[in-house]
C-alpha atoms as a PDB file:
ATOM      1  CA  MET A   1     -15.390  -6.900 -15.572  1.00  0.00           C
ATOM      2  CA  ALA A   2     -14.448  -7.125 -11.900  1.00  0.00           C
ATOM      3  CA  ALA A   3     -12.050  -4.607 -10.440  1.00  0.00           C
ATOM      4  CA  PRO A   4      -8.520  -5.924  -9.927  1.00  0.00           C
ATOM      5  CA  ARG A   5      -7.668  -7.127  -6.442  1.00  0.00           C
ATOM      6  CA  TYR A   6      -4.250  -6.548  -4.955  1.00  0.00           C
ATOM      7  CA  ILE A   7      -2.126  -8.391  -2.405  1.00  0.00           C
ATOM      8  CA  ALA A   8       1.134  -7.592  -0.625  1.00  0.00           C
ATOM      9  CA  ASP A   9       3.866  -9.814   0.737  1.00  0.00           C
ATOM     10  CA  PRO A  10       3.517 -10.891   4.378  1.00  0.00           C
ATOM     11  CA  GLU A  11       4.678  -8.493   7.075  1.00  0.00           C
ATOM     12  CA  GLY A  12       8.011 -10.286   7.584  1.00  0.00           C
ATOM     13  CA  ALA A  13       9.017  -9.615   3.977  1.00  0.00           C
ATOM     14  CA  LEU A  14       9.069  -5.859   4.510  1.00  0.00           C
ATOM     15  CA  ALA A  15      10.934  -3.770   7.086  1.00  0.00           C
ATOM     16  CA  CYS A  16       9.698  -0.221   7.552  1.00  0.00           C
ATOM     17  CA  VAL A  17      11.310   2.752   9.297  1.00  0.00           C
ATOM     18  CA  ALA A  18       9.489   6.091   9.547  1.00  0.00           C
ATOM     19  CA  LEU A  19      11.699   9.118   8.936  1.00  0.00           C
ATOM     20  CA  ASP A  20      10.543  12.757   8.792  1.00  0.00           C
ATOM     21  CA  GLY A  21       7.161  12.084   7.164  1.00  0.00           C
ATOM     22  CA  LEU A  22       8.544   9.474   4.772  1.00  0.00           C
ATOM     23  CA  SER A  23       9.081   5.755   5.235  1.00  0.00           C
ATOM     24  CA  ILE A  24      12.097   3.700   4.268  1.00  0.00           C
ATOM     25  CA  LEU A  25      11.018   0.202   3.189  1.00  0.00           C
ATOM     26  CA  PHE A  26      13.351  -2.727   2.736  1.00  0.00           C
ATOM     27  CA  HIS A  27      11.709  -5.430   0.609  1.00  0.00           C
ATOM     28  CA  ALA A  28      13.592  -8.607   1.582  1.00  0.00           C
ATOM     29  CA  PRO A  29      12.433 -10.793  -1.348  1.00  0.00           C
ATOM     30  CA  SER A  30      13.912  -8.372  -3.894  1.00  0.00           C
ATOM     31  CA  GLY A  31      16.667  -6.903  -1.718  1.00  0.00           C
ATOM     32  CA  THR A  32      15.461  -3.440  -2.710  1.00  0.00           C
ATOM     33  CA  THR A  33      15.050  -0.377  -0.505  1.00  0.00           C
ATOM     34  CA  HIS A  34      12.277   2.116  -1.293  1.00  0.00           C
ATOM     35  CA  ILE A  35      11.474   5.591   0.043  1.00  0.00           C
ATOM     36  CA  VAL A  36       7.713   6.154   0.125  1.00  0.00           C
ATOM     37  CA  ALA A  37       5.265   8.787   1.362  1.00  0.00           C
ATOM     38  CA  PRO A  38       1.807   8.366   2.859  1.00  0.00           C
ATOM     39  CA  PRO A  39      -0.495   6.694   2.099  1.00  0.00           C
ATOM     40  CA  ALA A  40       1.843   3.989   0.687  1.00  0.00           C
ATOM     41  CA  PRO A  41       2.816   2.423   4.069  1.00  0.00           C
ATOM     42  CA  GLU A  42      -0.809   2.555   5.176  1.00  0.00           C
ATOM     43  CA  ILE A  43      -1.912   0.804   1.971  1.00  0.00           C
ATOM     44  CA  LEU A  44       0.637  -1.958   2.529  1.00  0.00           C
ATOM     45  CA  ALA A  45      -0.558  -2.399   6.133  1.00  0.00           C
ATOM     46  CA  ALA A  46      -4.203  -2.545   5.024  1.00  0.00           C
ATOM     47  CA  LEU A  47      -3.401  -5.163   2.376  1.00  0.00           C
ATOM     48  CA  ARG A  48      -2.025  -7.457   5.080  1.00  0.00           C
ATOM     49  CA  GLU A  49      -5.666  -8.039   6.057  1.00  0.00           C
ATOM     50  CA  GLY A  50      -6.102  -9.813   2.738  1.00  0.00           C
ATOM     51  CA  PRO A  51      -6.657  -9.132  -0.960  1.00  0.00           C
ATOM     52  CA  ALA A  52      -8.640  -6.016  -1.800  1.00  0.00           C
ATOM     53  CA  ASP A  53      -9.742  -3.918  -4.729  1.00  0.00           C
ATOM     54  CA  VAL A  54      -9.466  -0.124  -4.647  1.00  0.00           C
ATOM     55  CA  ALA A  55     -12.889   0.429  -3.047  1.00  0.00           C
ATOM     56  CA  GLU A  56     -12.293  -2.180  -0.319  1.00  0.00           C
ATOM     57  CA  LEU A  57      -8.866  -0.787   0.367  1.00  0.00           C
ATOM     58  CA  LEU A  58     -10.174   2.766   0.652  1.00  0.00           C
ATOM     59  CA  ALA A  59     -12.843   1.577   3.118  1.00  0.00           C
ATOM     60  CA  ARG A  60     -10.159  -0.143   5.238  1.00  0.00           C
ATOM     61  CA  LEU A  61      -8.003   2.977   5.203  1.00  0.00           C
ATOM     62  CA  GLN A  62     -10.892   5.270   6.131  1.00  0.00           C
ATOM     63  CA  ALA A  63     -11.807   2.983   9.039  1.00  0.00           C
ATOM     64  CA  ARG A  64      -8.243   3.136  10.415  1.00  0.00           C
ATOM     65  CA  TYR A  65      -6.959   6.595   9.561  1.00  0.00           C
ATOM     66  CA  ASP A  66      -8.206  10.157   9.491  1.00  0.00           C
ATOM     67  CA  PHE A  67      -7.290  10.897   5.870  1.00  0.00           C
ATOM     68  CA  GLU A  68      -8.089  14.227   4.322  1.00  0.00           C
ATOM     69  CA  ASP A  69     -11.092  14.408   1.985  1.00  0.00           C
ATOM     70  CA  GLU A  70      -8.946  14.413  -1.166  1.00  0.00           C
ATOM     71  CA  ILE A  71      -7.848  10.821  -0.536  1.00  0.00           C
ATOM     72  CA  GLY A  72     -10.271   8.897  -2.726  1.00  0.00           C
ATOM     73  CA  ASN A  73     -10.398   5.984  -5.125  1.00  0.00           C
ATOM     74  CA  ASP A  74      -8.248   7.783  -7.688  1.00  0.00           C
ATOM     75  CA  VAL A  75      -5.461   8.498  -5.169  1.00  0.00           C
ATOM     76  CA  VAL A  76      -5.502   4.933  -3.835  1.00  0.00           C
ATOM     77  CA  ALA A  77      -5.496   3.543  -7.395  1.00  0.00           C
ATOM     78  CA  ALA A  78      -2.526   5.740  -8.328  1.00  0.00           C
ATOM     79  CA  ARG A  79      -0.561   4.644  -5.241  1.00  0.00           C
ATOM     80  CA  LEU A  80      -1.395   0.988  -5.973  1.00  0.00           C
ATOM     81  CA  ASP A  81      -0.057   1.420  -9.515  1.00  0.00           C
ATOM     82  CA  GLU A  82       3.172   2.874  -8.120  1.00  0.00           C
ATOM     83  CA  LEU A  83       3.493   0.109  -5.515  1.00  0.00           C
ATOM     84  CA  GLU A  84       2.849  -2.501  -8.201  1.00  0.00           C
ATOM     85  CA  GLN A  85       5.560  -1.026 -10.452  1.00  0.00           C
ATOM     86  CA  ALA A  86       7.952  -1.070  -7.481  1.00  0.00           C
ATOM     87  CA  GLY A  87       7.174  -4.738  -6.849  1.00  0.00           C
ATOM     88  CA  LEU A  88       5.642  -4.130  -3.424  1.00  0.00           C
ATOM     89  CA  VAL A  89       2.110  -5.266  -4.341  1.00  0.00           C
ATOM     90  CA  ARG A  90       0.740  -7.512  -7.057  1.00  0.00           C
ATOM     91  CA  ARG A  91      -2.615  -8.403  -8.510  1.00  0.00           C
ATOM     92  CA  ALA A  92      -4.308 -11.354  -6.863  1.00  0.00           C
END
């Protein structure tokens, strides 16, 4: 079975303000505000390039950011699950 692929709303659907190591996200389609920590904003930015599974997404993140070694597939998968539950990403 193929790994699930995820997508996020377009950039205009989400307003982001960085604040003391956290980010405040306003999701316009739902009218909901979220407080998230890295790598959640980075995952959302990487998903704007198009749908991706966990491995693709991790490769995009590693190409853009200098993440610590403990950021791996399991961390990205856990953050995707959280973002999906919050309604910020969905399966393609």
